[in-house]
Amino acid sequence: MSSVRTVLGDVRPEELGVCDAHDHLFLRSPRLPGQELNDAAAARAELNAFRAAGGGTVVQWTPYGMGRRAADLPDLSRSSGVHVVCATGLHQAAHYSTQLLEELRGGLAEVFVAELTQGIGTSGVRAGLIKVAGGFHALDAHARWTMTAAAEAHHATGAAIAVHLEMGTGALDVLDLLCGRLGVEPHRVILGHLNRSPDPVVQRQAAEAGAYLAFDGPSLAHHATDWRMPQAVRALADAGFGHRLLLGGDTVVAGARSVDGGPGMPYLLRRVRPRLALELGEELTDRVLTENPGRAFAVRWR
């Protein structure tokens, strides 16, 4: 049986409810000084707001070494009634110290596997997916190292691999590496931020390859998100790829939370959902928010 690994244990895919397939409750990076998501009370309030809007699950893509606060996630999930899925993995090199990266050399896949199967640190919380990242229109040595480790961990556990595409670029390079060279089945790969580079040809090719396409980070004015995303999603659905689409909020800084005056997690359901329903219809929009994440993150755990 396939199951989704949440911070409170494995659940059946149909138990997820409405899913924010890419977001962050906690996140810290030297690239975002002073904008950390590190407030447990704010995270709790944001989950409650998402629940009040009809949300059932949040998938946190915050990987290793970026302030996941895994030990806090079970209590937040219980108190809010929202399923939370936590990530292992590694982001771009710029988010880490040179010392930390050197410490991980030679054993990165083992770290991922341990966090997926045993737990993150002493928290007892097991990760439910692997998150890695590409570069802008290319894959540098760091990306190839982390993706190779992610593929090894996937083969050992079955976990899905979620990929941050820098400004939405490099999707086909990622698939060439993960699926072409490293043997990951395409339906185990989730490509994030494709909406930030709204190239319909690349989006169609990625869908034809069999990957999941995540349209995440709405309401960011400097990206082609809200105003182009409905048409892009409609084109993919009309081409027969509605079952490969995912939606997420990708809240990465404190000011973006709804409880701090930003759009936050509820925006996905408050504004994005009805806008998409005009393009796709209510039935397909509901499947994108419920059935698709269930398939994308469900694993026959090994």
Protein backbone atom coordinates (compact mmCIF):
# COMPACT_ATOMS: atom_id res chain seq x y z
CA MET A 1 0.00 0.00 0.00
CA SER A 2 1.19 3.52 -0.82
CA SER A 3 1.13 6.13 1.91
CA VAL A 4 2.11 9.75 2.47
CA ARG A 5 4.64 10.17 5.29
CA THR A 6 3.49 13.04 7.50
CA VAL A 7 5.11 14.33 10.68
CA LEU A 8 2.53 12.34 12.67
CA GLY A 9 3.01 9.14 10.69
CA ASP A 10 1.95 7.59 7.42
CA VAL A 11 -1.53 8.31 6.09
CA ARG A 12 -3.48 7.16 3.06
CA PRO A 13 -3.35 9.54 0.08
CA GLU A 14 -7.11 10.14 0.20
CA GLU A 15 -6.77 11.47 3.77
CA LEU A 16 -4.82 14.56 2.71
CA GLY A 17 -7.82 16.67 1.78
CA VAL A 18 -7.06 19.97 0.07
CA CYS A 19 -3.29 20.21 -0.23
CA ASP A 20 -0.86 23.11 -0.44
CA ALA A 21 1.75 21.07 -2.29
CA HIS A 22 4.69 23.44 -1.75
CA ASP A 23 5.04 25.80 1.19
CA HIS A 24 7.13 26.65 4.24
CA LEU A 25 6.26 26.97 7.92
CA PHE A 26 9.90 27.51 8.88
CA LEU A 27 12.84 28.63 6.76
CA ARG A 28 16.19 30.30 7.37
CA SER A 29 18.86 31.29 4.87
CA PRO A 30 21.79 33.72 4.71
CA ARG A 31 20.26 34.88 1.42
CA LEU A 32 17.22 36.19 3.31
CA PRO A 33 18.68 37.98 6.35
CA GLY A 34 16.10 39.34 8.75
CA GLN A 35 13.23 37.64 6.90
CA GLU A 36 13.35 34.24 8.58
CA LEU A 37 10.30 32.07 9.11
CA ASN A 38 11.17 31.13 12.67
CA ASP A 39 8.11 31.97 14.77
CA ALA A 40 6.17 28.94 16.00
CA ALA A 41 3.18 31.03 17.07
CA ALA A 42 2.96 32.58 13.61
CA ALA A 43 3.28 29.16 12.00
CA ARG A 44 0.42 27.90 14.16
CA ALA A 45 -1.75 30.87 13.25
CA GLU A 46 -0.99 30.38 9.56
CA LEU A 47 -1.95 26.71 9.69
CA ASN A 48 -5.17 27.63 11.50
CA ALA A 49 -5.97 30.20 8.82
CA PHE A 50 -5.29 27.63 6.10
CA ARG A 51 -7.53 25.13 7.87
CA ALA A 52 -10.31 27.73 8.19
CA ALA A 53 -10.10 28.29 4.42
CA GLY A 54 -10.65 24.58 3.80
CA GLY A 55 -7.06 23.32 3.78
CA GLY A 56 -6.11 19.84 4.88
CA THR A 57 -2.38 19.35 4.19
CA VAL A 58 0.75 21.46 3.84
CA VAL A 59 3.92 20.04 2.29
CA GLN A 60 6.92 21.90 3.68
CA TRP A 61 9.78 21.89 1.19
CA THR A 62 12.34 23.31 3.66
CA PRO A 63 15.34 20.93 3.39
CA TYR A 64 18.30 20.04 5.60
CA GLY A 65 20.15 22.90 7.27
CA MET A 66 17.59 25.63 6.61
CA GLY A 67 15.75 25.83 9.93
CA ARG A 68 13.03 23.20 9.45
CA ARG A 69 12.30 22.98 13.20
CA ALA A 70 11.16 19.42 12.68
CA ALA A 71 10.57 18.84 16.39
CA ASP A 72 7.92 21.57 16.43
CA LEU A 73 5.94 20.22 13.48
CA PRO A 74 3.98 17.39 15.19
CA ASP A 75 2.45 19.72 17.77
CA LEU A 76 1.57 22.26 15.10
CA SER A 77 -0.07 19.56 13.02
CA ARG A 78 -2.08 18.19 15.95
CA SER A 79 -3.27 21.57 17.19
CA SER A 80 -4.30 22.84 13.76
CA GLY A 81 -5.75 19.63 12.38
CA VAL A 82 -3.64 20.05 9.24
CA HIS A 83 -1.42 17.24 7.96
CA VAL A 84 2.19 18.40 7.55
CA VAL A 85 4.78 16.68 5.36
CA CYS A 86 8.44 17.53 6.02
CA ALA A 87 11.35 17.40 3.57
CA THR A 88 14.89 16.18 3.64
CA GLY A 89 17.28 17.20 0.86
CA LEU A 90 19.63 20.09 0.15
CA HIS A 91 19.12 23.44 -1.54
CA GLN A 92 21.60 25.46 -3.63
CA ALA A 93 25.10 25.93 -2.20
CA ALA A 94 24.47 29.63 -1.52
CA HIS A 95 22.16 28.71 1.34
CA TYR A 96 24.91 26.94 3.32
CA SER A 97 28.32 27.48 4.83
CA THR A 98 31.31 25.90 3.14
CA GLN A 99 32.02 24.00 6.35
CA LEU A 100 28.58 22.38 6.46
CA LEU A 101 28.81 21.28 2.83
CA GLU A 102 32.25 19.76 3.42
CA GLU A 103 30.90 17.82 6.38
CA LEU A 104 28.25 16.28 4.12
CA ARG A 105 30.70 15.17 1.42
CA GLY A 106 30.71 11.42 0.95
CA GLY A 107 27.57 10.77 2.96
CA LEU A 108 24.75 12.92 1.62
CA ALA A 109 22.55 10.08 0.37
CA GLU A 110 22.88 8.38 3.74
CA VAL A 111 21.67 11.55 5.48
CA PHE A 112 18.62 11.67 3.22
CA VAL A 113 17.81 8.00 3.77
CA ALA A 114 18.17 8.30 7.54
CA GLU A 115 15.85 11.30 7.67
CA LEU A 116 13.27 9.50 5.54
CA THR A 117 13.34 6.23 7.45
CA GLN A 118 14.63 6.88 10.99
CA GLY A 119 13.97 10.52 11.72
CA ILE A 120 15.40 14.04 11.60
CA GLY A 121 17.94 14.45 14.39
CA THR A 122 16.40 13.44 17.71
CA SER A 123 12.93 14.70 16.76
CA GLY A 124 11.57 11.33 15.69
CA VAL A 125 9.94 13.10 12.74
CA ARG A 126 10.50 11.32 9.44
CA ALA A 127 10.73 13.25 6.19
CA GLY A 128 8.22 12.48 3.47
CA LEU A 129 10.05 13.76 0.38
CA ILE A 130 13.48 14.83 -0.91
CA LYS A 131 13.98 18.45 -2.01
CA VAL A 132 16.89 19.55 -4.22
CA ALA A 133 17.53 22.50 -6.53
CA GLY A 134 18.83 23.37 -9.95
CA GLY A 135 20.52 26.53 -11.16
CA PHE A 136 19.49 29.19 -13.64
CA HIS A 137 19.23 27.43 -17.02
CA ALA A 138 21.92 24.95 -15.92
CA LEU A 139 23.01 22.34 -13.41
CA ASP A 140 26.26 23.16 -11.63
CA ALA A 141 28.46 20.66 -9.79
CA HIS A 142 26.55 21.21 -6.53
CA ALA A 143 23.21 20.48 -8.20
CA ARG A 144 24.57 17.33 -9.79
CA TRP A 145 25.97 16.17 -6.45
CA THR A 146 22.72 16.76 -4.56
CA MET A 147 20.56 15.24 -7.30
CA THR A 148 22.76 12.16 -7.47
CA ALA A 149 22.37 11.73 -3.71
CA ALA A 150 18.62 12.33 -4.03
CA ALA A 151 18.38 9.62 -6.70
CA GLU A 152 20.27 7.18 -4.45
CA ALA A 153 17.93 7.95 -1.56
CA HIS A 154 14.92 7.59 -3.82
CA HIS A 155 16.04 4.16 -4.99
CA ALA A 156 16.57 3.12 -1.36
CA THR A 157 13.22 4.39 -0.05
CA GLY A 158 10.85 5.19 -2.92
CA ALA A 159 10.48 8.84 -1.83
CA ALA A 160 9.52 11.47 -4.39
CA ILE A 161 12.07 14.10 -5.41
CA ALA A 162 10.87 17.72 -5.47
CA VAL A 163 13.04 20.15 -7.42
CA HIS A 164 13.38 23.90 -7.04
CA LEU A 165 13.82 25.24 -10.56
CA GLU A 166 15.68 28.55 -10.38
CA MET A 167 13.33 31.12 -11.89
CA GLY A 168 11.47 28.19 -13.38
CA THR A 169 14.32 27.18 -15.71
CA GLY A 170 16.27 23.99 -16.37
CA ALA A 171 13.37 21.54 -16.16
CA LEU A 172 14.51 19.39 -19.06
CA ASP A 173 18.11 19.29 -17.81
CA VAL A 174 16.80 18.07 -14.45
CA LEU A 175 14.78 15.32 -16.10
CA ASP A 176 17.73 14.32 -18.29
CA LEU A 177 19.86 13.87 -15.17
CA LEU A 178 17.40 12.36 -12.70
CA CYS A 179 15.44 10.19 -15.11
CA GLY A 180 17.81 9.73 -18.02
CA ARG A 181 21.07 9.08 -16.20
CA LEU A 182 20.10 8.24 -12.63
CA GLY A 183 17.13 5.98 -13.26
CA VAL A 184 14.40 7.83 -11.35
CA GLU A 185 10.97 7.21 -12.82
CA PRO A 186 9.53 10.53 -14.10
CA HIS A 187 6.34 10.30 -12.03
CA ARG A 188 8.54 10.38 -8.91
CA VAL A 189 9.84 13.86 -9.85
CA ILE A 190 8.01 17.08 -8.95
CA LEU A 191 9.19 20.18 -10.80
CA GLY A 192 8.65 23.37 -8.81
CA HIS A 193 8.24 26.95 -10.05
CA LEU A 194 7.51 26.16 -13.68
CA ASN A 195 5.15 29.14 -13.63
CA ARG A 196 8.10 31.49 -13.18
CA SER A 197 9.30 30.76 -16.70
CA PRO A 198 6.01 30.43 -18.59
CA ASP A 199 7.32 28.55 -21.60
CA PRO A 200 4.43 26.38 -22.84
CA VAL A 201 6.74 24.17 -24.91
CA VAL A 202 8.95 23.25 -21.94
CA GLN A 203 5.93 22.77 -19.71
CA ARG A 204 4.36 20.44 -22.26
CA GLN A 205 7.59 18.48 -22.72
CA ALA A 206 8.02 18.06 -18.96
CA ALA A 207 4.44 16.83 -18.67
CA GLU A 208 4.90 14.45 -21.61
CA ALA A 209 7.99 13.03 -19.89
CA GLY A 210 5.74 12.06 -16.98
CA ALA A 211 6.82 14.48 -14.22
CA TYR A 212 4.51 16.41 -11.92
CA LEU A 213 4.39 20.15 -12.57
CA ALA A 214 4.04 22.41 -9.53
CA PHE A 215 2.63 25.88 -10.08
CA ASP A 216 3.65 27.52 -6.84
CA GLY A 217 4.33 30.95 -5.40
CA PRO A 218 1.25 32.90 -6.50
CA SER A 219 0.93 36.62 -5.81
CA LEU A 220 4.62 37.35 -6.46
CA ALA A 221 4.49 40.41 -8.67
CA HIS A 222 7.90 39.88 -10.25
CA HIS A 223 6.97 36.43 -11.54
CA ALA A 224 4.48 35.41 -14.23
CA THR A 225 2.28 33.69 -11.68
CA ASP A 226 -1.31 34.77 -11.12
CA TRP A 227 -1.91 36.43 -14.44
CA ARG A 228 -0.49 33.71 -16.72
CA MET A 229 -0.82 30.62 -14.60
CA PRO A 230 -4.54 29.89 -15.21
CA GLN A 231 -4.05 29.84 -18.98
CA ALA A 232 -0.92 27.68 -18.69
CA VAL A 233 -2.72 25.20 -16.46
CA ARG A 234 -5.70 25.15 -18.83
CA ALA A 235 -3.44 24.42 -21.81
CA LEU A 236 -1.85 21.49 -19.99
CA ALA A 237 -5.21 20.16 -18.88
CA ASP A 238 -6.60 20.41 -22.41
CA ALA A 239 -3.56 18.45 -23.62
CA GLY A 240 -4.42 15.64 -21.23
CA PHE A 241 -2.08 16.45 -18.34
CA GLY A 242 -4.53 17.62 -15.69
CA HIS A 243 -3.49 14.64 -13.54
CA ARG A 244 0.11 15.96 -13.39
CA LEU A 245 -0.62 19.43 -11.96
CA LEU A 246 0.07 20.63 -8.40
CA LEU A 247 -0.55 23.96 -6.64
CA GLY A 248 1.38 25.56 -3.80
CA GLY A 249 1.83 28.85 -2.03
CA ASP A 250 5.62 28.84 -1.36
CA THR A 251 5.64 31.33 1.51
CA VAL A 252 9.36 31.98 2.06
CA VAL A 253 9.57 35.16 4.18
CA ALA A 254 7.74 36.28 7.30
CA GLY A 255 6.07 39.25 5.64
CA ALA A 256 4.36 36.94 3.14
CA ARG A 257 2.34 35.16 5.83
CA SER A 258 -1.32 36.04 5.98
CA VAL A 259 -1.04 36.58 9.73
CA ASP A 260 1.69 39.16 9.06
CA GLY A 261 -0.25 41.04 6.39
CA GLY A 262 0.72 39.03 3.32
CA PRO A 263 -1.28 36.63 1.16
CA GLY A 264 0.04 33.50 2.89
CA MET A 265 -1.32 29.98 2.66
CA PRO A 266 -5.03 30.92 2.61
CA TYR A 267 -4.52 32.90 -0.61
CA LEU A 268 -4.17 29.63 -2.50
CA LEU A 269 -7.75 28.74 -1.62
CA ARG A 270 -9.21 32.22 -1.21
CA ARG A 271 -8.14 33.65 -4.58
CA VAL A 272 -6.21 31.15 -6.70
CA ARG A 273 -8.71 28.31 -6.41
CA PRO A 274 -11.76 30.25 -7.66
CA ARG A 275 -9.70 31.79 -10.45
CA LEU A 276 -8.58 28.36 -11.62
CA ALA A 277 -12.11 27.02 -11.35
CA LEU A 278 -13.13 29.53 -14.03
CA GLU A 279 -10.55 27.96 -16.38
CA LEU A 280 -10.70 24.30 -15.41
CA GLY A 281 -14.10 23.87 -13.83
CA GLU A 282 -14.74 22.96 -10.21
CA GLU A 283 -14.23 19.22 -10.64
CA LEU A 284 -10.74 19.33 -12.15
CA THR A 285 -9.64 22.12 -9.81
CA ASP A 286 -10.66 19.97 -6.85
CA ARG A 287 -8.70 17.00 -8.26
CA VAL A 288 -5.60 19.17 -8.70
CA LEU A 289 -5.82 20.15 -5.03
CA THR A 290 -6.65 16.70 -3.63
CA GLU A 291 -6.10 13.64 -5.82
CA ASN A 292 -2.95 14.86 -7.60
CA PRO A 293 -0.96 15.56 -4.40
CA GLY A 294 -2.06 12.22 -3.01
CA ARG A 295 -0.51 10.45 -5.99
CA ALA A 296 2.55 12.70 -6.19
CA PHE A 297 3.63 12.25 -2.56
CA ALA A 298 2.38 8.72 -1.89
CA VAL A 299 5.12 6.11 -1.69
CA ARG A 300 5.41 2.34 -1.39
CA TRP A 301 8.01 2.85 1.30
CA ARG A 302 11.05 0.62 1.25
